[in-house]
Amino acid sequence: MSIFLNADSRVLVQGMTGSEGTKHTRRMIASGTNVVAGVTPGKGGQEVDGIPVFNSVGEAMAATGANVSVVFVPPKFAKAAVIEAVDAAIPLCVVITEGIPIHDTAVFFQYALNKSTTRIIGPNCPGIISPGQSNAGIIPGDITKPGRIGLVSKSGTLTYQMMYELSDIGFSTAVGIGGDPIIGTTHIDCLQAFQDDPDTDAIVMIGEIGGDAEERAAAYIAQHITKPVVGYVAGFTAPEGKTMGHAGAIVSGSSGTAQAKKEALEAVGVKVGKTPSETARLMREVMQSL
């Protein structure tokens, strides 16, 4: 088992004929992903490494049975690409593109909510991997193995580090949700999915300074999550009032600080590491105790 993505997932790549799309399509295939189609308007009928390219998501789905889209489309075209995927009613759309205007994200996310058929992960995210089954995005496929830990993270690089540090135990699914102010799938969505997954025993949640997503996740954990959760919040040394890295990582006063998030999570029983390595050690202890 896994969440959102499994061995039966049939992946199409929007923007597969571009340099990034081609490169990461090859990486996904190398890590076991069943990539069945590419989509680039005007390039239908071409192939990339034997994979057919279609003019639209709807055509690709009809011809190949694709049920996951990974979006490697430049920012100015990303809104149209996601809306096209939603119109085709694809169940999962993973938006890797960085630098999409917030207004565009708001438009396509609300559009997807109104249609209520497509789950969006991202934008500005590394994607999702269920090791040994499928890998949709840019997460390295060779740094971990299948296991029983679930991981949800705002940060791409910290996703990779946590997967590597716990590679001897392994993961059911790792989800990089992205750090923009507006994202599709949230910490809470993933926490509930891992709670419902019989093959996930414990959950690592990685957050970062800015906003209140981690505090809201803490409140949700208290009410709905019975599996052990270990947390890490990036940005303990970040200066107040300065934007750090991700567009959402802005601290104002005590709101959004790493310490405030750590305290909110600890108040509901989540063990929180001060560093990624300490977080991995805490999860190792949890898994040994189960």
Protein backbone atom coordinates (compact mmCIF):
# COMPACT_ATOMS: atom_id res chain seq x y z
CA MET A 1 0.00 0.00 0.00
CA SER A 2 0.89 3.67 -0.31
CA ILE A 3 -0.93 6.97 -0.63
CA PHE A 4 -1.97 8.70 -3.88
CA LEU A 5 0.59 6.81 -6.05
CA ASN A 6 1.24 3.09 -6.51
CA ALA A 7 2.49 0.42 -8.89
CA ASP A 8 -0.71 0.68 -10.93
CA SER A 9 -0.28 4.42 -11.55
CA ARG A 10 -0.04 5.31 -15.25
CA VAL A 11 1.81 8.59 -15.59
CA LEU A 12 1.71 11.20 -18.32
CA VAL A 13 4.15 14.11 -18.43
CA GLN A 14 2.94 17.56 -19.47
CA GLY A 15 5.91 19.25 -21.11
CA MET A 16 7.77 15.99 -21.73
CA THR A 17 9.36 17.29 -24.94
CA GLY A 18 11.13 20.15 -23.09
CA SER A 19 14.62 19.65 -21.68
CA GLU A 20 13.50 19.35 -18.04
CA GLY A 21 10.53 17.19 -18.96
CA THR A 22 12.67 14.79 -21.00
CA LYS A 23 15.42 14.57 -18.37
CA HIS A 24 13.09 13.86 -15.48
CA THR A 25 10.91 11.50 -17.51
CA ARG A 26 14.00 9.35 -18.00
CA ARG A 27 14.78 9.54 -14.29
CA MET A 28 11.23 8.55 -13.35
CA ILE A 29 11.33 5.57 -15.71
CA ALA A 30 14.70 4.51 -14.28
CA SER A 31 13.13 4.36 -10.81
CA GLY A 32 10.27 2.16 -11.98
CA THR A 33 7.54 4.63 -12.95
CA ASN A 34 5.13 3.53 -15.67
CA VAL A 35 5.25 6.62 -17.90
CA VAL A 36 2.74 6.03 -20.68
CA ALA A 37 2.45 9.38 -22.45
CA GLY A 38 3.69 12.90 -22.91
CA VAL A 39 1.61 15.98 -23.66
CA THR A 40 2.83 19.00 -25.61
CA PRO A 41 0.30 21.02 -27.67
CA GLY A 42 1.28 20.93 -31.34
CA LYS A 43 3.69 18.01 -30.96
CA GLY A 44 1.18 15.16 -31.03
CA GLY A 45 2.43 12.16 -32.96
CA GLN A 46 6.05 12.56 -31.87
CA GLU A 47 7.78 10.21 -29.45
CA VAL A 48 10.33 10.58 -26.65
CA ASP A 49 12.29 7.37 -26.07
CA GLY A 50 9.40 5.43 -27.59
CA ILE A 51 6.75 7.12 -25.43
CA PRO A 52 3.98 8.71 -27.52
CA VAL A 53 3.33 12.44 -27.31
CA PHE A 54 -0.22 13.81 -27.54
CA ASN A 55 -1.63 17.30 -28.10
CA SER A 56 -3.85 17.25 -25.02
CA VAL A 57 -4.27 15.54 -21.66
CA GLY A 58 -7.69 14.25 -22.69
CA GLU A 59 -6.26 12.57 -25.80
CA ALA A 60 -3.43 11.02 -23.80
CA MET A 61 -5.79 9.66 -21.15
CA ALA A 62 -8.15 8.21 -23.74
CA ALA A 63 -5.33 6.48 -25.59
CA THR A 64 -3.22 5.24 -22.67
CA GLY A 65 -5.39 5.11 -19.54
CA ALA A 66 -3.10 7.59 -17.77
CA ASN A 67 -4.31 8.55 -14.28
CA VAL A 68 -1.46 10.77 -13.04
CA SER A 69 -0.06 13.91 -14.64
CA VAL A 70 3.32 15.44 -13.81
CA VAL A 71 3.62 19.07 -14.94
CA PHE A 72 6.99 20.31 -16.25
CA VAL A 73 5.57 23.37 -17.98
CA PRO A 74 7.12 26.89 -17.80
CA PRO A 75 5.43 29.17 -15.25
CA LYS A 76 3.50 31.32 -17.71
CA PHE A 77 1.84 28.25 -19.24
CA ALA A 78 1.33 26.29 -16.02
CA LYS A 79 -2.15 27.60 -15.18
CA ALA A 80 -3.51 26.51 -18.56
CA ALA A 81 -1.76 23.14 -18.26
CA VAL A 82 -3.28 22.39 -14.85
CA ILE A 83 -6.75 23.55 -15.89
CA GLU A 84 -6.48 21.26 -18.93
CA ALA A 85 -5.60 18.33 -16.64
CA VAL A 86 -8.53 19.15 -14.35
CA ASP A 87 -10.90 19.41 -17.32
CA ALA A 88 -9.78 15.93 -18.37
CA ALA A 89 -10.62 14.74 -14.83
CA ILE A 90 -7.22 13.19 -14.18
CA PRO A 91 -7.23 11.94 -10.57
CA LEU A 92 -3.77 13.28 -9.60
CA CYS A 93 -1.84 16.27 -10.97
CA VAL A 94 1.68 16.84 -9.62
CA VAL A 95 2.86 20.38 -10.39
CA ILE A 96 6.65 20.58 -10.27
CA THR A 97 6.96 24.05 -11.85
CA GLU A 98 8.57 26.75 -9.71
CA GLY A 99 7.77 30.45 -10.02
CA ILE A 100 4.08 30.22 -10.91
CA PRO A 101 2.38 33.54 -10.02
CA ILE A 102 0.32 33.16 -6.83
CA HIS A 103 -2.78 34.45 -8.61
CA ASP A 104 -2.46 31.71 -11.22
CA THR A 105 -2.11 29.06 -8.51
CA ALA A 106 -5.18 30.43 -6.72
CA VAL A 107 -7.16 30.24 -9.96
CA PHE A 108 -6.29 26.66 -10.88
CA PHE A 109 -6.55 25.37 -7.33
CA GLN A 110 -10.04 26.86 -6.90
CA TYR A 111 -10.96 25.51 -10.33
CA ALA A 112 -9.91 22.03 -9.22
CA LEU A 113 -11.87 22.37 -5.95
CA ASN A 114 -14.99 23.32 -7.89
CA LYS A 115 -14.58 20.30 -10.17
CA SER A 116 -13.71 18.08 -7.15
CA THR A 117 -12.15 15.33 -9.27
CA THR A 118 -8.42 16.14 -9.39
CA ARG A 119 -5.98 16.14 -6.48
CA ILE A 120 -3.19 18.69 -6.98
CA ILE A 121 0.23 18.27 -5.36
CA GLY A 122 2.39 21.41 -5.48
CA PRO A 123 3.22 23.68 -7.19
CA ASN A 124 6.95 24.29 -6.64
CA CYS A 125 7.41 20.82 -5.20
CA PRO A 126 9.60 17.76 -5.79
CA GLY A 127 6.60 15.48 -6.26
CA ILE A 128 5.70 12.14 -4.72
CA ILE A 129 7.38 8.73 -4.53
CA SER A 130 6.16 5.36 -3.33
CA PRO A 131 9.52 3.54 -3.34
CA GLY A 132 9.58 0.36 -5.37
CA GLN A 133 6.26 1.28 -6.98
CA SER A 134 6.24 4.67 -8.69
CA ASN A 135 7.91 8.08 -8.66
CA ALA A 136 6.15 11.17 -10.03
CA GLY A 137 8.42 14.22 -10.02
CA ILE A 138 12.09 14.93 -9.34
CA ILE A 139 12.72 12.99 -6.11
CA PRO A 140 15.82 10.78 -6.47
CA GLY A 141 14.62 7.21 -6.82
CA ASP A 142 17.68 5.49 -5.40
CA ILE A 143 18.10 7.03 -1.94
CA THR A 144 15.65 4.89 0.00
CA LYS A 145 13.66 1.66 -0.16
CA PRO A 146 10.07 0.52 0.49
CA GLY A 147 9.15 0.63 4.16
CA ARG A 148 6.50 1.66 6.65
CA ILE A 149 7.23 5.34 7.31
CA GLY A 150 5.12 8.06 5.69
CA LEU A 151 6.76 11.42 4.96
CA VAL A 152 5.16 14.77 4.17
CA SER A 153 7.40 17.79 3.68
CA LYS A 154 7.28 21.41 2.59
CA SER A 155 10.96 21.30 1.61
CA GLY A 156 12.33 19.35 -1.34
CA THR A 157 15.90 18.97 -0.15
CA LEU A 158 14.83 18.04 3.37
CA THR A 159 12.57 15.38 1.84
CA TYR A 160 15.64 13.86 0.24
CA GLN A 161 17.73 14.13 3.40
CA MET A 162 15.08 12.44 5.57
CA MET A 163 14.60 9.67 3.03
CA TYR A 164 18.35 9.08 2.98
CA GLU A 165 18.81 9.19 6.76
CA LEU A 166 16.05 6.60 7.25
CA SER A 167 16.84 4.59 4.12
CA ASP A 168 17.55 1.44 6.12
CA ILE A 169 13.94 1.49 7.40
CA GLY A 170 12.25 2.77 4.26
CA PHE A 171 9.07 4.59 3.31
CA SER A 172 5.56 3.76 2.17
CA THR A 173 5.23 7.14 0.42
CA ALA A 174 7.08 10.46 0.58
CA VAL A 175 5.16 13.58 -0.50
CA GLY A 176 6.80 16.93 -1.16
CA ILE A 177 3.90 19.36 -0.92
CA GLY A 178 5.84 22.54 -1.77
CA GLY A 179 6.34 25.72 0.20
CA ASP A 180 4.38 28.35 -1.74
CA PRO A 181 1.69 30.34 0.10
CA ILE A 182 -1.02 28.49 -1.88
CA ILE A 183 -0.62 24.75 -2.44
CA GLY A 184 -2.97 21.93 -3.32
CA THR A 185 -2.43 18.94 -1.05
CA THR A 186 -1.54 19.96 2.53
CA HIS A 187 0.14 18.46 5.57
CA ILE A 188 -3.33 17.63 6.91
CA ASP A 189 -4.39 15.84 3.71
CA CYS A 190 -1.29 13.65 3.87
CA LEU A 191 -1.57 13.01 7.61
CA GLN A 192 -5.09 11.67 7.15
CA ALA A 193 -4.09 9.57 4.14
CA PHE A 194 -1.21 8.02 6.10
CA GLN A 195 -3.54 7.47 9.06
CA ASP A 196 -5.85 5.52 6.74
CA ASP A 197 -3.05 3.54 5.06
CA PRO A 198 -2.65 0.13 6.75
CA ASP A 199 0.96 -0.15 5.56
CA THR A 200 2.15 3.10 7.15
CA ASP A 201 3.12 2.74 10.82
CA ALA A 202 4.48 6.22 11.63
CA ILE A 203 4.71 9.65 10.01
CA VAL A 204 7.45 12.25 9.61
CA MET A 205 6.17 15.79 9.04
CA ILE A 206 8.61 18.47 7.87
CA GLY A 207 7.52 22.09 8.02
CA GLU A 208 9.23 25.45 7.92
CA ILE A 209 8.87 28.97 9.23
CA GLY A 210 6.08 31.21 7.99
CA GLY A 211 2.31 30.83 7.93
CA ASP A 212 0.33 28.62 10.29
CA ALA A 213 0.13 25.32 8.40
CA GLU A 214 2.09 23.46 11.06
CA GLU A 215 -0.06 24.83 13.88
CA ARG A 216 -3.19 23.77 12.01
CA ALA A 217 -1.64 20.35 11.44
CA ALA A 218 -0.94 20.09 15.18
CA ALA A 219 -4.58 20.78 15.98
CA TYR A 220 -5.63 18.15 13.42
CA ILE A 221 -3.22 15.58 14.86
CA ALA A 222 -4.73 16.06 18.30
CA GLN A 223 -8.21 15.27 16.98
CA HIS A 224 -7.69 12.72 14.22
CA ILE A 225 -4.24 11.06 14.11
CA THR A 226 -3.44 8.09 16.32
CA LYS A 227 -0.23 6.94 14.62
CA PRO A 228 3.04 8.35 16.01
CA VAL A 229 4.20 11.57 14.33
CA VAL A 230 7.72 13.00 14.43
CA GLY A 231 8.26 16.56 13.25
CA TYR A 232 10.94 18.97 12.09
CA VAL A 233 10.54 22.70 11.46
CA ALA A 234 13.17 24.36 9.29
CA GLY A 235 14.25 27.88 10.16
CA PHE A 236 15.17 28.09 13.86
CA THR A 237 17.90 30.62 13.10
CA ALA A 238 16.00 32.69 10.51
CA PRO A 239 15.82 36.45 11.22
CA GLU A 240 12.37 37.92 11.83
CA GLY A 241 10.68 39.68 8.95
CA LYS A 242 12.94 38.27 6.25
CA THR A 243 11.72 36.00 3.47
CA MET A 244 13.75 32.80 3.56
CA GLY A 245 13.82 30.59 0.47
CA HIS A 246 10.26 29.46 -0.12
CA ALA A 247 7.73 32.13 -0.90
CA GLY A 248 5.64 31.10 2.10
CA ALA A 249 8.46 31.30 4.64
CA ILE A 250 7.87 34.76 6.09
CA VAL A 251 7.94 35.32 9.84
CA SER A 252 6.09 38.17 11.54
CA GLY A 253 6.42 38.54 15.30
CA SER A 254 5.99 35.25 17.14
CA SER A 255 3.56 34.00 14.50
CA GLY A 256 5.16 31.53 12.14
CA THR A 257 8.42 31.06 14.01
CA ALA A 258 10.07 27.67 14.23
CA GLN A 259 9.85 27.77 18.04
CA ALA A 260 6.11 28.51 18.00
CA LYS A 261 5.50 25.66 15.58
CA LYS A 262 7.68 23.29 17.62
CA GLU A 263 5.73 24.13 20.78
CA ALA A 264 2.37 23.65 19.04
CA LEU A 265 3.40 20.22 17.78
CA GLU A 266 4.95 19.11 21.07
CA ALA A 267 1.79 20.17 22.91
CA VAL A 268 -0.13 17.45 21.04
CA GLY A 269 2.47 14.74 21.57
CA VAL A 270 4.58 15.12 18.43
CA LYS A 271 8.30 14.66 19.01
CA VAL A 272 10.16 17.48 17.24
CA GLY A 273 13.83 17.39 16.31
CA LYS A 274 16.05 20.47 16.33
CA THR A 275 17.90 19.20 13.24
CA PRO A 276 17.01 16.80 10.44
CA SER A 277 19.43 14.23 11.85
CA GLU A 278 17.89 14.46 15.32
CA THR A 279 14.45 14.09 13.73
CA ALA A 280 15.61 10.95 11.96
CA ARG A 281 16.95 9.59 15.27
CA LEU A 282 13.61 10.25 16.96
CA MET A 283 11.77 8.40 14.18
CA ARG A 284 14.24 5.52 14.43
CA GLU A 285 13.40 5.23 18.14
CA VAL A 286 9.68 5.29 17.36
CA MET A 287 9.99 2.50 14.79
CA GLN A 288 12.07 0.38 17.16
CA SER A 289 9.40 0.73 19.82
CA LEU A 290 6.52 -0.41 17.59
